[in-house]
Protein backbone atom coordinates (compact mmCIF):
# COMPACT_ATOMS: atom_id res chain seq x y z
CA MET A 1 -7.81 13.35 4.19
CA ILE A 2 -11.00 13.65 2.14
CA VAL A 3 -9.19 12.25 -0.90
CA ILE A 4 -8.16 9.20 1.13
CA LEU A 5 -11.75 8.65 2.29
CA VAL A 6 -13.07 8.90 -1.28
CA MET A 7 -10.44 6.44 -2.51
CA HIS A 8 -11.28 4.08 0.37
CA PHE A 9 -14.97 4.29 -0.55
CA LEU A 10 -14.28 3.57 -4.22
CA TYR A 11 -11.98 0.66 -3.36
CA HIS A 12 -14.64 -0.84 -1.12
CA LEU A 13 -17.40 -0.35 -3.68
CA LYS A 14 -15.34 -1.83 -6.53
CA ASN A 15 -14.37 -4.91 -4.50
CA ASN A 16 -17.95 -5.51 -3.40
CA THR A 17 -19.20 -5.13 -6.96
CA ALA A 18 -16.54 -7.59 -8.13
CA ALA A 19 -17.58 -10.03 -5.40
CA TRP A 20 -21.23 -9.85 -6.42
CA TYR A 21 -20.26 -10.27 -10.07
CA LEU A 22 -17.95 -13.23 -9.44
CA ALA A 23 -20.50 -14.96 -7.20
CA SER A 24 -23.05 -14.72 -10.03
CA ALA A 25 -25.41 -12.99 -7.62
CA THR A 26 -28.15 -10.62 -8.65
CA PRO A 27 -27.01 -7.00 -8.88
CA PRO A 28 -27.60 -5.18 -5.59
CA SER A 29 -30.30 -2.55 -5.31
CA ALA A 30 -29.60 1.05 -4.38
CA HIS A 31 -30.86 0.32 -0.85
CA VAL A 32 -28.37 -2.52 -0.40
CA LEU A 33 -25.51 -0.40 -1.71
CA SER A 34 -26.35 2.51 0.58
CA ARG A 35 -26.62 0.18 3.58
CA ASP A 36 -23.28 -1.37 2.66
CA ILE A 37 -21.62 2.03 2.42
CA GLY A 38 -23.21 3.08 5.72
CA TRP A 39 -21.88 0.04 7.59
CA GLN A 40 -18.48 0.63 6.04
CA GLY A 41 -18.60 4.20 7.38
CA ILE A 42 -19.55 3.00 10.86
CA GLY A 43 -16.70 0.50 10.80
CA THR A 44 -14.24 3.18 9.73
CA LEU A 45 -15.54 5.50 12.46
CA LEU A 46 -15.07 2.80 15.12
CA ASN A 47 -11.58 2.03 13.83
CA GLY A 48 -10.72 5.71 14.14
CA LEU A 49 -12.19 6.00 17.63
CA PHE A 50 -10.33 2.96 18.94
CA ARG A 51 -7.18 3.78 16.92
CA THR A 52 -6.84 0.28 15.53
CA LEU A 53 -4.71 1.49 12.58
CA THR A 54 -5.86 -1.45 10.48
CA GLY A 55 -8.97 0.01 8.91
CA SER A 56 -11.95 -1.96 7.78
CA THR A 57 -12.29 -2.83 4.14
CA VAL A 58 -13.02 -5.67 1.78
CA SER A 59 -10.07 -8.00 1.34
CA VAL A 60 -9.06 -8.28 -2.29
CA GLU A 61 -7.60 -11.71 -1.51
CA ASN A 62 -11.03 -13.02 -0.58
CA VAL A 63 -12.54 -11.61 -3.76
CA GLY A 64 -9.70 -13.21 -5.74
CA LEU A 65 -10.38 -16.58 -4.14
CA LEU A 66 -14.05 -16.17 -4.93
CA GLY A 67 -13.10 -15.58 -8.54
CA SER A 68 -10.82 -18.61 -8.69
CA ASN A 69 -13.19 -21.20 -7.21
CA ARG A 70 -16.66 -19.62 -7.69
CA VAL A 71 -17.81 -20.60 -4.19
CA GLY A 72 -19.92 -17.75 -2.81
CA SER A 73 -21.73 -19.57 -0.02
CA ARG A 74 -21.88 -18.08 3.47
CA ARG A 75 -21.62 -21.57 4.94
CA VAL A 76 -18.15 -22.00 3.43
CA ILE A 77 -17.04 -18.72 5.02
CA GLN A 78 -18.49 -19.75 8.39
CA VAL A 79 -16.76 -23.14 8.35
CA SER A 80 -13.44 -21.63 7.26
CA GLY A 81 -13.78 -19.03 10.05
CA GLY A 82 -14.27 -21.86 12.52
CA PHE A 83 -11.13 -23.53 11.22
CA MET A 84 -9.21 -20.28 11.58
CA ILE A 85 -10.33 -19.85 15.19
CA PHE A 86 -9.49 -23.48 15.98
CA PHE A 87 -6.04 -23.34 14.39
CA ALA A 88 -5.29 -19.99 16.03
CA MET A 89 -5.37 -21.80 19.35
CA LEU A 90 -2.62 -24.16 18.20
CA GLY A 91 0.77 -22.48 18.50
CA LYS A 92 2.50 -24.86 16.10
CA PHE A 93 0.07 -24.03 13.31
CA GLY A 94 0.67 -20.31 13.80
CA ALA A 95 4.41 -20.93 13.74
CA LEU A 96 3.99 -22.66 10.39
CA PHE A 97 2.43 -19.51 8.90
CA ALA A 98 5.01 -17.31 10.60
CA SER A 99 7.78 -19.31 8.92
CA ILE A 100 6.49 -18.54 5.41
CA PRO A 101 8.65 -15.78 3.92
CA PHE A 102 7.05 -12.39 3.27
CA PRO A 103 7.81 -12.46 -0.51
CA ILE A 104 5.62 -15.56 -0.81
CA PHE A 105 2.68 -13.75 0.80
CA ALA A 106 3.35 -10.74 -1.42
CA ALA A 107 3.35 -12.93 -4.53
CA ILE A 108 0.03 -14.53 -3.54
CA TYR A 109 -1.43 -11.06 -2.96
CA CYS A 110 -0.28 -9.87 -6.38
CA VAL A 111 -1.69 -12.94 -8.14
CA LEU A 112 -5.08 -12.65 -6.43
CA PHE A 113 -5.23 -8.89 -7.03
CA GLY A 114 -4.53 -9.47 -10.72
CA LEU A 115 -7.16 -12.20 -10.81
CA VAL A 116 -9.81 -9.79 -9.56
CA GLY A 117 -8.79 -7.19 -12.13
CA LYS A 118 -8.80 -9.70 -14.96
CA LYS A 119 -12.14 -11.28 -14.12
CA TYR A 120 -14.00 -8.07 -13.55
CA ASN A 121 -12.82 -6.02 -16.53
């Protein structure tokens, strides 16, 4: 179990570092990194307490999209979150996403994961 937690920590740290690099942001200080790791630990603790089974981690797809379009603004994330909430209320829009075959989603995931690896190395 400790090995899994260490791997989860390294995955989270690597994705965050890639996101900061791809957004052309200033490198984070040690205080920011420790705060980030602390909040990740609290999120993992809450997921374990409530048995959500999903975990809480950085999405490599989001980092890949950041690398492809170089838009690192919080306003863009807030507006897209609003769109997601709005379209979640429309059943037909959810049915559209449900009709997309799983291999298509898997292919998009692989492309974005490779994009993060290529850009950051």
